[in-house]
């Protein structure tokens, strides 16, 4: 999704590592992450949202995200589709990095 505000100094990049939860299906986690991706890309404040699967360990995923600002990210966690994904407990967060671009 292209957003004219994407060059703003408030733009927030996220790198988040996820691991499939114990006793959960990697296939189901992948399917649900793809649904989350499709729905998140429709959010007004989302510039970029991609899901990557680790080539060597299929139970690990990385989310690459770009948001117009911190408020857009906060709104993301209030969306029904985000709450639905989180309620399934398919993955656990290994790390979250909030990043800004150097000029």
C-alpha atoms as a PDB file:
ATOM      1  CA  UNK A   1       0.000   0.000   0.000  1.00  0.00           C
ATOM      2  CA  UNK A   2       1.472   3.354  -0.941  1.00  0.00           C
ATOM      3  CA  UNK A   3       0.843   6.215   1.414  1.00  0.00           C
ATOM      4  CA  UNK A   4       1.892   9.825   0.787  1.00  0.00           C
ATOM      5  CA  UNK A   5       2.850  10.123   4.450  1.00  0.00           C
ATOM      6  CA  UNK A   6       5.403   7.324   4.142  1.00  0.00           C
ATOM      7  CA  UNK A   7       8.306   9.762   3.903  1.00  0.00           C
ATOM      8  CA  UNK A   8       7.374  11.463   7.175  1.00  0.00           C
ATOM      9  CA  UNK A   9       9.971  11.531   9.920  1.00  0.00           C
ATOM     10  CA  UNK A  10       7.383   9.788  12.112  1.00  0.00           C
ATOM     11  CA  UNK A  11       7.422   6.653   9.956  1.00  0.00           C
ATOM     12  CA  UNK A  12       7.906   3.582  12.123  1.00  0.00           C
ATOM     13  CA  UNK A  13       9.474   0.323  10.960  1.00  0.00           C
ATOM     14  CA  UNK A  14       8.935  -2.908  12.867  1.00  0.00           C
ATOM     15  CA  UNK A  15      10.868  -6.142  12.777  1.00  0.00           C
ATOM     16  CA  UNK A  16       9.178  -8.797  14.888  1.00  0.00           C
ATOM     17  CA  UNK A  17      10.276 -12.376  15.393  1.00  0.00           C
ATOM     18  CA  UNK A  18       7.651 -15.041  15.998  1.00  0.00           C
ATOM     19  CA  UNK A  19       7.944 -18.699  16.937  1.00  0.00           C
ATOM     20  CA  UNK A  20       5.147 -21.236  16.558  1.00  0.00           C
ATOM     21  CA  UNK A  21       3.746 -22.018  20.012  1.00  0.00           C
ATOM     22  CA  UNK A  22       4.180 -25.485  21.497  1.00  0.00           C
ATOM     23  CA  UNK A  23       1.502 -27.941  20.345  1.00  0.00           C
ATOM     24  CA  UNK A  24       0.375 -25.594  17.555  1.00  0.00           C
ATOM     25  CA  UNK A  25       0.488 -26.317  13.836  1.00  0.00           C
ATOM     26  CA  UNK A  26       3.091 -24.517  11.733  1.00  0.00           C
ATOM     27  CA  UNK A  27       0.778 -24.863   8.730  1.00  0.00           C
ATOM     28  CA  UNK A  28      -2.100 -23.213  10.614  1.00  0.00           C
ATOM     29  CA  UNK A  29       0.165 -20.429  11.901  1.00  0.00           C
ATOM     30  CA  UNK A  30       1.373 -19.736   8.356  1.00  0.00           C
ATOM     31  CA  UNK A  31      -2.199 -19.665   7.000  1.00  0.00           C
ATOM     32  CA  UNK A  32      -3.392 -17.323   9.747  1.00  0.00           C
ATOM     33  CA  UNK A  33      -0.368 -15.033   9.363  1.00  0.00           C
ATOM     34  CA  UNK A  34      -1.152 -14.727   5.658  1.00  0.00           C
ATOM     35  CA  UNK A  35      -4.738 -13.758   6.504  1.00  0.00           C
ATOM     36  CA  UNK A  36      -3.448 -11.247   9.063  1.00  0.00           C
ATOM     37  CA  UNK A  37      -1.140  -9.802   6.410  1.00  0.00           C
ATOM     38  CA  UNK A  38      -3.936  -9.384   3.857  1.00  0.00           C
ATOM     39  CA  UNK A  39      -6.197  -7.653   6.372  1.00  0.00           C
ATOM     40  CA  UNK A  40      -3.454  -5.473   7.867  1.00  0.00           C
ATOM     41  CA  UNK A  41      -2.462  -4.110   4.458  1.00  0.00           C
ATOM     42  CA  UNK A  42      -5.960  -2.585   4.239  1.00  0.00           C
ATOM     43  CA  UNK A  43      -5.411  -0.512   7.389  1.00  0.00           C
ATOM     44  CA  UNK A  44      -5.176   3.221   6.785  1.00  0.00           C
ATOM     45  CA  UNK A  45      -1.882   3.642   8.668  1.00  0.00           C
ATOM     46  CA  UNK A  46      -0.131   0.589   7.221  1.00  0.00           C
ATOM     47  CA  UNK A  47       2.471   1.305   4.553  1.00  0.00           C
ATOM     48  CA  UNK A  48       4.040  -2.151   4.389  1.00  0.00           C
ATOM     49  CA  UNK A  49       3.433  -5.494   6.103  1.00  0.00           C
ATOM     50  CA  UNK A  50       5.172  -8.678   5.047  1.00  0.00           C
ATOM     51  CA  UNK A  51       5.485 -12.111   6.613  1.00  0.00           C
ATOM     52  CA  UNK A  52       8.632 -14.142   6.057  1.00  0.00           C
ATOM     53  CA  UNK A  53       9.277 -17.739   7.068  1.00  0.00           C
ATOM     54  CA  UNK A  54      12.735 -18.813   8.191  1.00  0.00           C
ATOM     55  CA  UNK A  55      14.353 -20.982   5.529  1.00  0.00           C
ATOM     56  CA  UNK A  56      16.151 -23.231   8.040  1.00  0.00           C
ATOM     57  CA  UNK A  57      13.480 -23.459  10.750  1.00  0.00           C
ATOM     58  CA  UNK A  58       9.901 -23.405   9.481  1.00  0.00           C
ATOM     59  CA  UNK A  59       8.615 -22.677  13.007  1.00  0.00           C
ATOM     60  CA  UNK A  60      10.149 -19.178  12.893  1.00  0.00           C
ATOM     61  CA  UNK A  61       8.649 -16.139  11.172  1.00  0.00           C
ATOM     62  CA  UNK A  62       9.648 -12.505  10.829  1.00  0.00           C
ATOM     63  CA  UNK A  63       7.179  -9.686  10.350  1.00  0.00           C
ATOM     64  CA  UNK A  64       8.500  -6.653   8.437  1.00  0.00           C
ATOM     65  CA  UNK A  65       6.202  -3.701   8.892  1.00  0.00           C
ATOM     66  CA  UNK A  66       6.097   0.002   8.118  1.00  0.00           C
ATOM     67  CA  UNK A  67       3.563   2.354   9.696  1.00  0.00           C
ATOM     68  CA  UNK A  68       2.847   6.050   9.162  1.00  0.00           C
ATOM     69  CA  UNK A  69       3.492   6.605  12.882  1.00  0.00           C
ATOM     70  CA  UNK A  70       3.339   5.024  16.331  1.00  0.00           C
ATOM     71  CA  UNK A  71      -0.392   5.751  16.620  1.00  0.00           C
ATOM     72  CA  UNK A  72      -1.092   3.688  13.490  1.00  0.00           C
ATOM     73  CA  UNK A  73       0.694   0.741  15.084  1.00  0.00           C
ATOM     74  CA  UNK A  74      -1.331   1.180  18.276  1.00  0.00           C
ATOM     75  CA  UNK A  75      -4.535   1.205  16.190  1.00  0.00           C
ATOM     76  CA  UNK A  76      -3.391  -2.035  14.519  1.00  0.00           C
ATOM     77  CA  UNK A  77      -3.617  -3.827  17.860  1.00  0.00           C
ATOM     78  CA  UNK A  78      -7.192  -2.582  18.299  1.00  0.00           C
ATOM     79  CA  UNK A  79      -8.367  -4.106  15.002  1.00  0.00           C
ATOM     80  CA  UNK A  80     -10.645  -7.164  15.082  1.00  0.00           C
ATOM     81  CA  UNK A  81      -8.392  -9.136  12.728  1.00  0.00           C
ATOM     82  CA  UNK A  82      -5.346  -8.522  14.935  1.00  0.00           C
ATOM     83  CA  UNK A  83      -7.223  -9.488  18.094  1.00  0.00           C
ATOM     84  CA  UNK A  84      -8.546 -12.618  16.363  1.00  0.00           C
ATOM     85  CA  UNK A  85      -5.044 -13.683  15.356  1.00  0.00           C
ATOM     86  CA  UNK A  86      -3.606 -13.063  18.821  1.00  0.00           C
ATOM     87  CA  UNK A  87      -6.500 -14.917  20.509  1.00  0.00           C
ATOM     88  CA  UNK A  88      -5.492 -18.111  18.697  1.00  0.00           C
ATOM     89  CA  UNK A  89      -2.074 -18.159  20.468  1.00  0.00           C
ATOM     90  CA  UNK A  90      -0.492 -19.747  17.396  1.00  0.00           C
ATOM     91  CA  UNK A  91       2.809 -17.930  17.835  1.00  0.00           C
ATOM     92  CA  UNK A  92       4.903 -16.371  20.567  1.00  0.00           C
ATOM     93  CA  UNK A  93       6.840 -13.160  20.128  1.00  0.00           C
ATOM     94  CA  UNK A  94      10.605 -13.683  20.302  1.00  0.00           C
ATOM     95  CA  UNK A  95      11.493 -10.031  19.799  1.00  0.00           C
ATOM     96  CA  UNK A  96      10.117  -6.718  18.578  1.00  0.00           C
ATOM     97  CA  UNK A  97      12.340  -3.985  17.191  1.00  0.00           C
ATOM     98  CA  UNK A  98      10.930  -0.504  16.627  1.00  0.00           C
ATOM     99  CA  UNK A  99      13.111   1.186  14.052  1.00  0.00           C
ATOM    100  CA  UNK A 100      13.457   4.568  12.377  1.00  0.00           C
ATOM    101  CA  UNK A 101      15.162   5.252   9.095  1.00  0.00           C
ATOM    102  CA  UNK A 102      18.340   7.289   9.052  1.00  0.00           C
ATOM    103  CA  UNK A 103      17.574  10.403   7.000  1.00  0.00           C
END
